PDB file of all heavy atoms in Angstrom:
ATOM      1  N   LYS A   1       6.190  -1.366   1.510  1.00  0.00           N
ATOM      2  CA  LYS A   1       6.759  -2.274   0.492  1.00  0.00           C
ATOM      3  C   LYS A   1       6.823  -3.675   1.004  1.00  0.00           C
ATOM      4  O   LYS A   1       6.472  -4.638   0.141  1.00  0.00           O
ATOM      5  CB  LYS A   1       8.152  -1.776   0.108  1.00  0.00           C
ATOM      6  CG  LYS A   1       8.767  -2.583  -1.022  1.00  0.00           C
ATOM      7  CD  LYS A   1      10.201  -1.956  -1.330  1.00  0.00           C
ATOM      8  CE  LYS A   1      10.820  -2.769  -2.475  1.00  0.00           C
ATOM      9  NZ  LYS A   1      12.208  -2.201  -2.786  1.00  0.00           N
ATOM     10  N   LEU A   2       7.158  -3.875   2.222  1.00  0.00           N
ATOM     11  CA  LEU A   2       7.248  -5.299   2.792  1.00  0.00           C
ATOM     12  C   LEU A   2       5.795  -5.892   2.837  1.00  0.00           C
ATOM     13  O   LEU A   2       5.622  -6.988   2.616  1.00  0.00           O
ATOM     14  CB  LEU A   2       7.855  -5.146   4.179  1.00  0.00           C
ATOM     15  CG  LEU A   2       9.321  -4.870   4.275  1.00  0.00           C
ATOM     16  CD1 LEU A   2       9.762  -4.668   5.732  1.00  0.00           C
ATOM     17  CD2 LEU A   2      10.128  -5.952   3.601  1.00  0.00           C
ATOM     18  N   ALA A   3       4.836  -5.045   3.397  1.00  0.00           N
ATOM     19  CA  ALA A   3       3.479  -5.530   3.502  1.00  0.00           C
ATOM     20  C   ALA A   3       2.920  -5.896   2.174  1.00  0.00           C
ATOM     21  O   ALA A   3       2.206  -6.981   2.009  1.00  0.00           O
ATOM     22  CB  ALA A   3       2.677  -4.414   4.260  1.00  0.00           C
ATOM     23  N   VAL A   4       2.973  -5.016   1.226  1.00  0.00           N
ATOM     24  CA  VAL A   4       2.339  -5.286  -0.090  1.00  0.00           C
ATOM     25  C   VAL A   4       3.018  -6.451  -0.754  1.00  0.00           C
ATOM     26  O   VAL A   4       2.376  -7.330  -1.387  1.00  0.00           O
ATOM     27  CB  VAL A   4       2.374  -3.986  -0.996  1.00  0.00           C
ATOM     28  CG1 VAL A   4       1.977  -4.324  -2.374  1.00  0.00           C
ATOM     29  CG2 VAL A   4       1.462  -2.955  -0.396  1.00  0.00           C
ATOM     30  N   ALA A   5       4.415  -6.520  -0.736  1.00  0.00           N
ATOM     31  CA  ALA A   5       5.092  -7.609  -1.375  1.00  0.00           C
ATOM     32  C   ALA A   5       4.661  -8.930  -0.777  1.00  0.00           C
ATOM     33  O   ALA A   5       4.552  -9.980  -1.496  1.00  0.00           O
ATOM     34  CB  ALA A   5       6.606  -7.429  -1.188  1.00  0.00           C
ATOM     35  N   HIS A   6       4.476  -8.997   0.571  1.00  0.00           N
ATOM     36  CA  HIS A   6       3.968 -10.243   1.207  1.00  0.00           C
ATOM     37  C   HIS A   6       2.581 -10.614   0.711  1.00  0.00           C
ATOM     38  O   HIS A   6       2.479 -11.809   0.308  1.00  0.00           O
ATOM     39  CB  HIS A   6       3.971 -10.031   2.657  1.00  0.00           C
ATOM     40  CG  HIS A   6       3.306 -11.036   3.486  1.00  0.00           C
ATOM     41  ND1 HIS A   6       3.706 -12.388   3.474  1.00  0.00           N
ATOM     42  CD2 HIS A   6       2.106 -11.053   4.255  1.00  0.00           C
ATOM     43  CE1 HIS A   6       2.849 -13.142   4.241  1.00  0.00           C
ATOM     44  NE2 HIS A   6       1.955 -12.282   4.722  1.00  0.00           N
ATOM     45  N   LEU A   7       1.700  -9.745   0.644  1.00  0.00           N
ATOM     46  CA  LEU A   7       0.386 -10.020   0.198  1.00  0.00           C
ATOM     47  C   LEU A   7       0.410 -10.373  -1.347  1.00  0.00           C
ATOM     48  O   LEU A   7      -0.282 -11.323  -1.715  1.00  0.00           O
ATOM     49  CB  LEU A   7      -0.571  -8.857   0.416  1.00  0.00           C
ATOM     50  CG  LEU A   7      -0.823  -8.510   1.824  1.00  0.00           C
ATOM     51  CD1 LEU A   7      -1.588  -7.199   1.887  1.00  0.00           C
ATOM     52  CD2 LEU A   7      -1.692  -9.649   2.534  1.00  0.00           C
ATOM     53  N   TYR A   8       1.232  -9.726  -2.083  1.00  0.00           N
ATOM     54  CA  TYR A   8       1.266 -10.101  -3.543  1.00  0.00           C
ATOM     55  C   TYR A   8       1.848 -11.530  -3.765  1.00  0.00           C
ATOM     56  O   TYR A   8       1.366 -12.268  -4.586  1.00  0.00           O
ATOM     57  CB  TYR A   8       2.226  -9.049  -4.202  1.00  0.00           C
ATOM     58  CG  TYR A   8       2.293  -9.146  -5.697  1.00  0.00           C
ATOM     59  CD1 TYR A   8       1.351  -8.495  -6.520  1.00  0.00           C
ATOM     60  CD2 TYR A   8       3.292  -9.917  -6.304  1.00  0.00           C
ATOM     61  CE1 TYR A   8       1.309  -8.531  -7.902  1.00  0.00           C
ATOM     62  CE2 TYR A   8       3.300 -10.050  -7.762  1.00  0.00           C
ATOM     63  CZ  TYR A   8       2.334  -9.387  -8.577  1.00  0.00           C
ATOM     64  OH  TYR A   8       2.414  -9.560  -9.916  1.00  0.00           O
ATOM     65  N   ALA A   9       2.853 -11.852  -2.972  1.00  0.00           N
ATOM     66  CA  ALA A   9       3.442 -13.145  -3.081  1.00  0.00           C
ATOM     67  C   ALA A   9       2.440 -14.253  -2.665  1.00  0.00           C
ATOM     68  O   ALA A   9       2.432 -15.425  -3.214  1.00  0.00           O
ATOM     69  CB  ALA A   9       4.649 -13.260  -2.109  1.00  0.00           C
ATOM     70  N   LEU A  10       1.378 -13.898  -1.830  1.00  0.00           N
ATOM     71  CA  LEU A  10       0.391 -14.882  -1.472  1.00  0.00           C
ATOM     72  C   LEU A  10      -0.611 -15.058  -2.561  1.00  0.00           C
ATOM     73  O   LEU A  10      -1.531 -15.917  -2.556  1.00  0.00           O
ATOM     74  CB  LEU A  10      -0.286 -14.374  -0.208  1.00  0.00           C
ATOM     75  CG  LEU A  10       0.506 -14.519   1.127  1.00  0.00           C
ATOM     76  CD1 LEU A  10      -0.242 -13.899   2.288  1.00  0.00           C
ATOM     77  CD2 LEU A  10       0.817 -16.053   1.380  1.00  0.00           C
ATOM     78  N   GLY A  11      -0.689 -14.059  -3.439  1.00  0.00           N
ATOM     79  CA  GLY A  11      -1.653 -14.070  -4.549  1.00  0.00           C
ATOM     80  C   GLY A  11      -2.659 -12.936  -4.635  1.00  0.00           C
ATOM     81  O   GLY A  11      -3.512 -12.973  -5.453  1.00  0.00           O
ATOM     82  N   HIS A  12      -2.597 -12.070  -3.635  1.00  0.00           N
ATOM     83  CA  HIS A  12      -3.541 -10.932  -3.531  1.00  0.00           C
ATOM     84  C   HIS A  12      -3.228  -9.855  -4.623  1.00  0.00           C
ATOM     85  O   HIS A  12      -2.109  -9.483  -4.817  1.00  0.00           O
ATOM     86  CB  HIS A  12      -3.493 -10.280  -2.227  1.00  0.00           C
ATOM     87  CG  HIS A  12      -3.948 -11.174  -1.049  1.00  0.00           C
ATOM     88  ND1 HIS A  12      -5.283 -11.249  -0.755  1.00  0.00           N
ATOM     89  CD2 HIS A  12      -3.301 -11.910  -0.210  1.00  0.00           C
ATOM     90  CE1 HIS A  12      -5.366 -12.179   0.263  1.00  0.00           C
ATOM     91  NE2 HIS A  12      -4.205 -12.523   0.602  1.00  0.00           N
ATOM     92  N   ARG A  13      -4.314  -9.486  -5.361  1.00  0.00           N
ATOM     93  CA  ARG A  13      -4.254  -8.442  -6.338  1.00  0.00           C
ATOM     94  C   ARG A  13      -5.235  -7.298  -6.067  1.00  0.00           C
ATOM     95  O   ARG A  13      -5.145  -6.336  -6.838  1.00  0.00           O
ATOM     96  CB  ARG A  13      -4.480  -9.039  -7.755  1.00  0.00           C
ATOM     97  CG  ARG A  13      -3.472 -10.108  -8.225  1.00  0.00           C
ATOM     98  CD  ARG A  13      -2.085  -9.674  -8.225  1.00  0.00           C
ATOM     99  NE  ARG A  13      -1.191 -10.706  -8.687  1.00  0.00           N
ATOM    100  CZ  ARG A  13      -0.504 -11.471  -7.895  1.00  0.00           C
ATOM    101  NH1 ARG A  13      -0.559 -11.296  -6.552  1.00  0.00           N
ATOM    102  NH2 ARG A  13       0.410 -12.385  -8.346  1.00  0.00           N
ATOM    103  N   ARG A  14      -6.032  -7.498  -5.066  1.00  0.00           N
ATOM    104  CA  ARG A  14      -7.018  -6.456  -4.676  1.00  0.00           C
ATOM    105  C   ARG A  14      -6.798  -6.087  -3.261  1.00  0.00           C
ATOM    106  O   ARG A  14      -7.318  -6.717  -2.362  1.00  0.00           O
ATOM    107  CB  ARG A  14      -8.431  -6.953  -5.014  1.00  0.00           C
ATOM    108  CG  ARG A  14      -8.697  -7.391  -6.385  1.00  0.00           C
ATOM    109  CD  ARG A  14     -10.143  -7.555  -6.769  1.00  0.00           C
ATOM    110  NE  ARG A  14     -10.876  -8.525  -5.924  1.00  0.00           N
ATOM    111  CZ  ARG A  14     -10.832  -9.834  -6.067  1.00  0.00           C
ATOM    112  NH1 ARG A  14     -10.146 -10.428  -7.108  1.00  0.00           N
ATOM    113  NH2 ARG A  14     -11.531 -10.579  -5.274  1.00  0.00           N
ATOM    114  N   ILE A  15      -5.991  -5.037  -2.992  1.00  0.00           N
ATOM    115  CA  ILE A  15      -5.496  -4.667  -1.721  1.00  0.00           C
ATOM    116  C   ILE A  15      -5.990  -3.328  -1.324  1.00  0.00           C
ATOM    117  O   ILE A  15      -5.713  -2.373  -2.132  1.00  0.00           O
ATOM    118  CB  ILE A  15      -3.988  -4.795  -1.607  1.00  0.00           C
ATOM    119  CG1 ILE A  15      -3.430  -6.199  -2.092  1.00  0.00           C
ATOM    120  CG2 ILE A  15      -3.529  -4.501  -0.165  1.00  0.00           C
ATOM    121  CD1 ILE A  15      -1.986  -6.324  -2.212  1.00  0.00           C
ATOM    122  N   ALA A  16      -6.614  -3.215  -0.186  1.00  0.00           N
ATOM    123  CA  ALA A  16      -7.079  -1.879   0.315  1.00  0.00           C
ATOM    124  C   ALA A  16      -6.175  -1.369   1.400  1.00  0.00           C
ATOM    125  O   ALA A  16      -5.306  -2.109   1.900  1.00  0.00           O
ATOM    126  CB  ALA A  16      -8.532  -2.090   0.827  1.00  0.00           C
ATOM    127  N   HIS A  17      -6.418  -0.098   1.769  1.00  0.00           N
ATOM    128  CA  HIS A  17      -5.569   0.455   2.773  1.00  0.00           C
ATOM    129  C   HIS A  17      -6.329   1.318   3.757  1.00  0.00           C
ATOM    130  O   HIS A  17      -7.210   2.181   3.372  1.00  0.00           O
ATOM    131  CB  HIS A  17      -4.556   1.431   2.140  1.00  0.00           C
ATOM    132  CG  HIS A  17      -3.564   2.024   2.983  1.00  0.00           C
ATOM    133  ND1 HIS A  17      -2.852   1.431   4.119  1.00  0.00           N
ATOM    134  CD2 HIS A  17      -3.141   3.328   3.155  1.00  0.00           C
ATOM    135  CE1 HIS A  17      -2.103   2.155   4.790  1.00  0.00           C
ATOM    136  NE2 HIS A  17      -2.210   3.397   4.230  1.00  0.00           N
ATOM    137  N   LEU A  18      -6.139   1.051   5.050  1.00  0.00           N
ATOM    138  CA  LEU A  18      -6.633   1.908   6.073  1.00  0.00           C
ATOM    139  C   LEU A  18      -5.579   2.890   6.466  1.00  0.00           C
ATOM    140  O   LEU A  18      -4.638   2.542   7.199  1.00  0.00           O
ATOM    141  CB  LEU A  18      -7.059   1.052   7.323  1.00  0.00           C
ATOM    142  CG  LEU A  18      -8.437   0.417   7.324  1.00  0.00           C
ATOM    143  CD1 LEU A  18      -8.607  -0.464   8.447  1.00  0.00           C
ATOM    144  CD2 LEU A  18      -9.601   1.401   7.244  1.00  0.00           C
ATOM    145  N   ALA A  19      -5.596   4.067   5.953  1.00  0.00           N
ATOM    146  CA  ALA A  19      -4.528   5.099   6.139  1.00  0.00           C
ATOM    147  C   ALA A  19      -4.664   5.803   7.498  1.00  0.00           C
ATOM    148  O   ALA A  19      -5.783   5.937   8.033  1.00  0.00           O
ATOM    149  CB  ALA A  19      -4.554   6.070   4.992  1.00  0.00           C
ATOM    150  N   GLY A  20      -3.531   6.255   7.956  1.00  0.00           N
ATOM    151  CA  GLY A  20      -3.470   7.021   9.184  1.00  0.00           C
ATOM    152  C   GLY A  20      -3.996   8.512   8.928  1.00  0.00           C
ATOM    153  O   GLY A  20      -4.143   8.840   7.714  1.00  0.00           O
ATOM    154  N   PRO A  21      -4.185   9.229   9.986  1.00  0.00           N
ATOM    155  CA  PRO A  21      -4.761  10.637   9.829  1.00  0.00           C
ATOM    156  C   PRO A  21      -3.742  11.465   8.903  1.00  0.00           C
ATOM    157  O   PRO A  21      -2.553  11.297   9.125  1.00  0.00           O
ATOM    158  CB  PRO A  21      -4.780  11.191  11.253  1.00  0.00           C
ATOM    159  CG  PRO A  21      -4.886   9.855  12.105  1.00  0.00           C
ATOM    160  CD  PRO A  21      -4.155   8.860  11.426  1.00  0.00           C
ATOM    161  N   ALA A  22      -4.333  12.295   8.050  1.00  0.00           N
ATOM    162  CA  ALA A  22      -3.489  13.043   7.078  1.00  0.00           C
ATOM    163  C   ALA A  22      -2.682  14.155   7.722  1.00  0.00           C
ATOM    164  O   ALA A  22      -1.724  14.588   7.228  1.00  0.00           O
ATOM    165  CB  ALA A  22      -4.481  13.681   6.078  1.00  0.00           C
ATOM    166  N   GLN A  23      -3.006  14.536   9.059  1.00  0.00           N
ATOM    167  CA  GLN A  23      -2.222  15.544   9.699  1.00  0.00           C
ATOM    168  C   GLN A  23      -0.882  15.092  10.229  1.00  0.00           C
ATOM    169  O   GLN A  23      -0.076  15.828  10.723  1.00  0.00           O
ATOM    170  CB  GLN A  23      -3.043  16.307  10.775  1.00  0.00           C
ATOM    171  CG  GLN A  23      -3.257  15.449  12.038  1.00  0.00           C
ATOM    172  CD  GLN A  23      -4.610  14.753  11.916  1.00  0.00           C
ATOM    173  OE1 GLN A  23      -5.038  14.392  10.787  1.00  0.00           O
ATOM    174  NE2 GLN A  23      -5.266  14.594  13.103  1.00  0.00           N
ATOM    175  N   PHE A  24      -0.666  13.710  10.254  1.00  0.00           N
ATOM    176  CA  PHE A  24       0.566  13.209  10.764  1.00  0.00           C
ATOM    177  C   PHE A  24       1.388  12.698   9.583  1.00  0.00           C
ATOM    178  O   PHE A  24       0.920  12.085   8.683  1.00  0.00           O
ATOM    179  CB  PHE A  24       0.207  12.008  11.734  1.00  0.00           C
ATOM    180  CG  PHE A  24      -0.592  12.422  13.012  1.00  0.00           C
ATOM    181  CD1 PHE A  24      -1.651  11.651  13.395  1.00  0.00           C
ATOM    182  CD2 PHE A  24      -0.187  13.538  13.683  1.00  0.00           C
ATOM    183  CE1 PHE A  24      -2.391  12.104  14.444  1.00  0.00           C
ATOM    184  CE2 PHE A  24      -0.835  13.869  14.821  1.00  0.00           C
ATOM    185  CZ  PHE A  24      -1.977  13.125  15.241  1.00  0.00           C
ATOM    186  N   SER A  25       2.715  12.861   9.810  1.00  0.00           N
ATOM    187  CA  SER A  25       3.655  12.497   8.764  1.00  0.00           C
ATOM    188  C   SER A  25       3.558  10.996   8.526  1.00  0.00           C
ATOM    189  O   SER A  25       3.702  10.502   7.377  1.00  0.00           O
ATOM    190  CB  SER A  25       5.110  12.882   9.172  1.00  0.00           C
ATOM    191  OG  SER A  25       5.455  12.097  10.331  1.00  0.00           O
ATOM    192  N   THR A  26       3.341  10.209   9.524  1.00  0.00           N
ATOM    193  CA  THR A  26       3.237   8.675   9.367  1.00  0.00           C
ATOM    194  C   THR A  26       2.040   8.339   8.520  1.00  0.00           C
ATOM    195  O   THR A  26       2.196   7.443   7.726  1.00  0.00           O
ATOM    196  CB  THR A  26       3.096   8.048  10.718  1.00  0.00           C
ATOM    197  OG1 THR A  26       2.040   8.699  11.481  1.00  0.00           O
ATOM    198  CG2 THR A  26       4.415   8.069  11.483  1.00  0.00           C
ATOM    199  N   GLY A  27       0.924   9.050   8.651  1.00  0.00           N
ATOM    200  CA  GLY A  27      -0.278   8.769   7.874  1.00  0.00           C
ATOM    201  C   GLY A  27      -0.021   9.041   6.331  1.00  0.00           C
ATOM    202  O   GLY A  27      -0.301   8.206   5.540  1.00  0.00           O
ATOM    203  N   VAL A  28       0.624  10.204   6.086  1.00  0.00           N
ATOM    204  CA  VAL A  28       0.920  10.599   4.698  1.00  0.00           C
ATOM    205  C   VAL A  28       1.966   9.582   4.084  1.00  0.00           C
ATOM    206  O   VAL A  28       1.887   9.107   2.961  1.00  0.00           O
ATOM    207  CB  VAL A  28       1.476  12.006   4.690  1.00  0.00           C
ATOM    208  CG1 VAL A  28       1.877  12.412   3.264  1.00  0.00           C
ATOM    209  CG2 VAL A  28       0.377  13.018   5.147  1.00  0.00           C
ATOM    210  N   ALA A  29       3.080   9.427   4.820  1.00  0.00           N
ATOM    211  CA  ALA A  29       4.163   8.617   4.267  1.00  0.00           C
ATOM    212  C   ALA A  29       3.742   7.129   4.024  1.00  0.00           C
ATOM    213  O   ALA A  29       4.178   6.560   3.070  1.00  0.00           O
ATOM    214  CB  ALA A  29       5.395   8.593   5.262  1.00  0.00           C
ATOM    215  N   ARG A  30       2.980   6.591   4.905  1.00  0.00           N
ATOM    216  CA  ARG A  30       2.550   5.235   4.709  1.00  0.00           C
ATOM    217  C   ARG A  30       1.530   5.092   3.601  1.00  0.00           C
ATOM    218  O   ARG A  30       1.564   4.075   2.800  1.00  0.00           O
ATOM    219  CB  ARG A  30       1.937   4.549   6.007  1.00  0.00           C
ATOM    220  CG  ARG A  30       3.042   4.444   7.070  1.00  0.00           C
ATOM    221  CD  ARG A  30       2.504   4.136   8.469  1.00  0.00           C
ATOM    222  NE  ARG A  30       3.543   4.319   9.405  1.00  0.00           N
ATOM    223  CZ  ARG A  30       3.385   4.244  10.778  1.00  0.00           C
ATOM    224  NH1 ARG A  30       2.236   4.091  11.284  1.00  0.00           N
ATOM    225  NH2 ARG A  30       4.462   4.534  11.542  1.00  0.00           N
ATOM    226  N   LEU A  31       0.702   6.104   3.417  1.00  0.00           N
ATOM    227  CA  LEU A  31      -0.215   6.032   2.194  1.00  0.00           C
ATOM    228  C   LEU A  31       0.603   6.177   0.907  1.00  0.00           C
ATOM    229  O   LEU A  31       0.312   5.397  -0.043  1.00  0.00           O
ATOM    230  CB  LEU A  31      -1.221   7.236   2.322  1.00  0.00           C
ATOM    231  CG  LEU A  31      -2.120   7.404   1.086  1.00  0.00           C
ATOM    232  CD1 LEU A  31      -2.991   6.074   0.782  1.00  0.00           C
ATOM    233  CD2 LEU A  31      -3.155   8.514   1.396  1.00  0.00           C
ATOM    234  N   GLU A  32       1.516   7.025   0.903  1.00  0.00           N
ATOM    235  CA  GLU A  32       2.360   7.184  -0.301  1.00  0.00           C
ATOM    236  C   GLU A  32       3.152   5.948  -0.550  1.00  0.00           C
ATOM    237  O   GLU A  32       3.212   5.462  -1.700  1.00  0.00           O
ATOM    238  CB  GLU A  32       3.343   8.413  -0.088  1.00  0.00           C
ATOM    239  CG  GLU A  32       2.638   9.766  -0.133  1.00  0.00           C
ATOM    240  CD  GLU A  32       3.621  10.930   0.132  1.00  0.00           C
ATOM    241  OE1 GLU A  32       4.772  10.627   0.484  1.00  0.00           O
ATOM    242  OE2 GLU A  32       3.180  12.075  -0.046  1.00  0.00           O
ATOM    243  N   GLY A  33       3.628   5.317   0.542  1.00  0.00           N
ATOM    244  CA  GLY A  33       4.404   4.083   0.387  1.00  0.00           C
ATOM    245  C   GLY A  33       3.541   2.935  -0.127  1.00  0.00           C
ATOM    246  O   GLY A  33       3.980   2.094  -0.931  1.00  0.00           O
ATOM    247  N   PHE A  34       2.350   2.955   0.368  1.00  0.00           N
ATOM    248  CA  PHE A  34       1.389   1.858  -0.070  1.00  0.00           C
ATOM    249  C   PHE A  34       1.116   1.959  -1.615  1.00  0.00           C
ATOM    250  O   PHE A  34       1.205   1.040  -2.316  1.00  0.00           O
ATOM    251  CB  PHE A  34       0.067   1.991   0.738  1.00  0.00           C
ATOM    252  CG  PHE A  34      -1.039   1.192   0.223  1.00  0.00           C
ATOM    253  CD1 PHE A  34      -1.107  -0.190   0.443  1.00  0.00           C
ATOM    254  CD2 PHE A  34      -2.079   1.715  -0.569  1.00  0.00           C
ATOM    255  CE1 PHE A  34      -2.156  -1.024  -0.035  1.00  0.00           C
ATOM    256  CE2 PHE A  34      -3.122   0.973  -1.039  1.00  0.00           C
ATOM    257  CZ  PHE A  34      -3.166  -0.400  -0.749  1.00  0.00           C
ATOM    258  N   ARG A  35       0.848   3.239  -2.049  1.00  0.00           N
ATOM    259  CA  ARG A  35       0.579   3.468  -3.471  1.00  0.00           C
ATOM    260  C   ARG A  35       1.809   3.154  -4.367  1.00  0.00           C
ATOM    261  O   ARG A  35       1.639   2.557  -5.405  1.00  0.00           O
ATOM    262  CB  ARG A  35      -0.010   4.843  -3.661  1.00  0.00           C
ATOM    263  CG  ARG A  35      -1.416   5.007  -3.181  1.00  0.00           C
ATOM    264  CD  ARG A  35      -1.962   6.411  -3.300  1.00  0.00           C
ATOM    265  NE  ARG A  35      -3.335   6.396  -3.061  1.00  0.00           N
ATOM    266  CZ  ARG A  35      -4.028   7.494  -2.680  1.00  0.00           C
ATOM    267  NH1 ARG A  35      -3.401   8.574  -2.365  1.00  0.00           N
ATOM    268  NH2 ARG A  35      -5.372   7.437  -2.528  1.00  0.00           N
ATOM    269  N   ALA A  36       2.942   3.450  -3.813  1.00  0.00           N
ATOM    270  CA  ALA A  36       4.102   3.271  -4.635  1.00  0.00           C
ATOM    271  C   ALA A  36       4.403   1.737  -4.701  1.00  0.00           C
ATOM    272  O   ALA A  36       4.844   1.217  -5.742  1.00  0.00           O
ATOM    273  CB  ALA A  36       5.325   3.895  -3.881  1.00  0.00           C
ATOM    274  N   ALA A  37       4.066   1.034  -3.614  1.00  0.00           N
ATOM    275  CA  ALA A  37       4.350  -0.467  -3.599  1.00  0.00           C
ATOM    276  C   ALA A  37       3.360  -1.131  -4.596  1.00  0.00           C
ATOM    277  O   ALA A  37       3.739  -2.079  -5.358  1.00  0.00           O
ATOM    278  CB  ALA A  37       4.098  -1.018  -2.172  1.00  0.00           C
ATOM    279  N   LEU A  38       2.084  -0.625  -4.612  1.00  0.00           N
ATOM    280  CA  LEU A  38       1.125  -1.180  -5.506  1.00  0.00           C
ATOM    281  C   LEU A  38       1.631  -1.013  -7.010  1.00  0.00           C
ATOM    282  O   LEU A  38       1.533  -1.829  -7.831  1.00  0.00           O
ATOM    283  CB  LEU A  38      -0.261  -0.559  -5.378  1.00  0.00           C
ATOM    284  CG  LEU A  38      -1.032  -0.925  -4.123  1.00  0.00           C
ATOM    285  CD1 LEU A  38      -2.436  -0.332  -4.199  1.00  0.00           C
ATOM    286  CD2 LEU A  38      -1.161  -2.449  -3.843  1.00  0.00           C
ATOM    287  N   GLN A  39       2.087   0.251  -7.286  1.00  0.00           N
ATOM    288  CA  GLN A  39       2.564   0.632  -8.588  1.00  0.00           C
ATOM    289  C   GLN A  39       3.708  -0.299  -9.036  1.00  0.00           C
ATOM    290  O   GLN A  39       3.855  -0.715 -10.190  1.00  0.00           O
ATOM    291  CB  GLN A  39       2.897   2.093  -8.677  1.00  0.00           C
ATOM    292  CG  GLN A  39       3.265   2.492 -10.072  1.00  0.00           C
ATOM    293  CD  GLN A  39       3.563   4.084 -10.095  1.00  0.00           C
ATOM    294  OE1 GLN A  39       3.761   4.710  -9.025  1.00  0.00           O
ATOM    295  NE2 GLN A  39       3.572   4.702 -11.188  1.00  0.00           N
ATOM    296  N   GLN A  40       4.558  -0.551  -8.061  1.00  0.00           N
ATOM    297  CA  GLN A  40       5.720  -1.391  -8.368  1.00  0.00           C
ATOM    298  C   GLN A  40       5.304  -2.855  -8.830  1.00  0.00           C
ATOM    299  O   GLN A  40       5.904  -3.466  -9.630  1.00  0.00           O
ATOM    300  CB  GLN A  40       6.620  -1.530  -7.176  1.00  0.00           C
ATOM    301  CG  GLN A  40       7.904  -2.346  -7.337  1.00  0.00           C
ATOM    302  CD  GLN A  40       8.792  -2.349  -6.020  1.00  0.00           C
ATOM    303  OE1 GLN A  40       8.488  -1.719  -5.046  1.00  0.00           O
ATOM    304  NE2 GLN A  40       9.857  -3.153  -6.094  1.00  0.00           N
ATOM    305  N   HIS A  41       4.212  -3.331  -8.243  1.00  0.00           N
ATOM    306  CA  HIS A  41       3.685  -4.647  -8.621  1.00  0.00           C
ATOM    307  C   HIS A  41       2.624  -4.546  -9.779  1.00  0.00           C
ATOM    308  O   HIS A  41       2.096  -5.668 -10.200  1.00  0.00           O
ATOM    309  CB  HIS A  41       3.067  -5.315  -7.404  1.00  0.00           C
ATOM    310  CG  HIS A  41       4.073  -5.700  -6.350  1.00  0.00           C
ATOM    311  ND1 HIS A  41       4.943  -6.773  -6.576  1.00  0.00           N
ATOM    312  CD2 HIS A  41       4.439  -5.158  -5.196  1.00  0.00           C
ATOM    313  CE1 HIS A  41       5.704  -6.909  -5.485  1.00  0.00           C
ATOM    314  NE2 HIS A  41       5.432  -5.969  -4.659  1.00  0.00           N
ATOM    315  N   GLY A  42       2.334  -3.370 -10.239  1.00  0.00           N
ATOM    316  CA  GLY A  42       1.457  -3.224 -11.357  1.00  0.00           C
ATOM    317  C   GLY A  42       0.011  -3.512 -11.080  1.00  0.00           C
ATOM    318  O   GLY A  42      -0.730  -3.974 -11.883  1.00  0.00           O
ATOM    319  N   ILE A  43      -0.444  -3.222  -9.856  1.00  0.00           N
ATOM    320  CA  ILE A  43      -1.817  -3.449  -9.479  1.00  0.00           C
ATOM    321  C   ILE A  43      -2.472  -2.192  -9.005  1.00  0.00           C
ATOM    322  O   ILE A  43      -1.809  -1.204  -8.523  1.00  0.00           O
ATOM    323  CB  ILE A  43      -1.956  -4.558  -8.367  1.00  0.00           C
ATOM    324  CG1 ILE A  43      -1.132  -4.206  -7.120  1.00  0.00           C
ATOM    325  CG2 ILE A  43      -1.578  -5.911  -8.955  1.00  0.00           C
ATOM    326  CD1 ILE A  43      -1.300  -5.219  -6.010  1.00  0.00           C
ATOM    327  N   GLU A  44      -3.765  -2.085  -9.101  1.00  0.00           N
ATOM    328  CA  GLU A  44      -4.610  -0.965  -8.691  1.00  0.00           C
ATOM    329  C   GLU A  44      -4.943  -1.057  -7.151  1.00  0.00           C
ATOM    330  O   GLU A  44      -5.138  -2.139  -6.665  1.00  0.00           O
ATOM    331  CB  GLU A  44      -5.828  -0.851  -9.470  1.00  0.00           C
ATOM    332  CG  GLU A  44      -5.590  -0.651 -10.965  1.00  0.00           C
ATOM    333  CD  GLU A  44      -6.938  -0.640 -11.792  1.00  0.00           C
ATOM    334  OE1 GLU A  44      -7.899  -1.263 -11.355  1.00  0.00           O
ATOM    335  OE2 GLU A  44      -6.895   0.058 -12.904  1.00  0.00           O
ATOM    336  N   GLU A  45      -5.207   0.050  -6.577  1.00  0.00           N
ATOM    337  CA  GLU A  45      -5.689  -0.019  -5.169  1.00  0.00           C
ATOM    338  C   GLU A  45      -7.165  -0.349  -5.122  1.00  0.00           C
ATOM    339  O   GLU A  45      -7.923   0.064  -6.023  1.00  0.00           O
ATOM    340  CB  GLU A  45      -5.497   1.356  -4.486  1.00  0.00           C
ATOM    341  CG  GLU A  45      -6.300   2.539  -5.072  1.00  0.00           C
ATOM    342  CD  GLU A  45      -5.930   3.792  -4.436  1.00  0.00           C
ATOM    343  OE1 GLU A  45      -4.711   4.145  -4.410  1.00  0.00           O
ATOM    344  OE2 GLU A  45      -6.817   4.641  -4.094  1.00  0.00           O
ATOM    345  N   ALA A  46      -7.540  -1.166  -4.149  1.00  0.00           N
ATOM    346  CA  ALA A  46      -8.875  -1.658  -4.072  1.00  0.00           C
ATOM    347  C   ALA A  46      -9.669  -0.828  -3.049  1.00  0.00           C
ATOM    348  O   ALA A  46     -10.638  -1.306  -2.391  1.00  0.00           O
ATOM    349  CB  ALA A  46      -8.904  -3.086  -3.742  1.00  0.00           C
TER     350      ALA A  46
END
């Protein structure tokens, strides 16, 4: 949420994500958090 909000405030609307490995909780949680943050700002993942 912090990362996406910072980029959004700078004017970015096309944001991609390098996700961590799916077998680790951190990879899954950060990907879910990334998508939730994009949705909060009303933008699509790039």
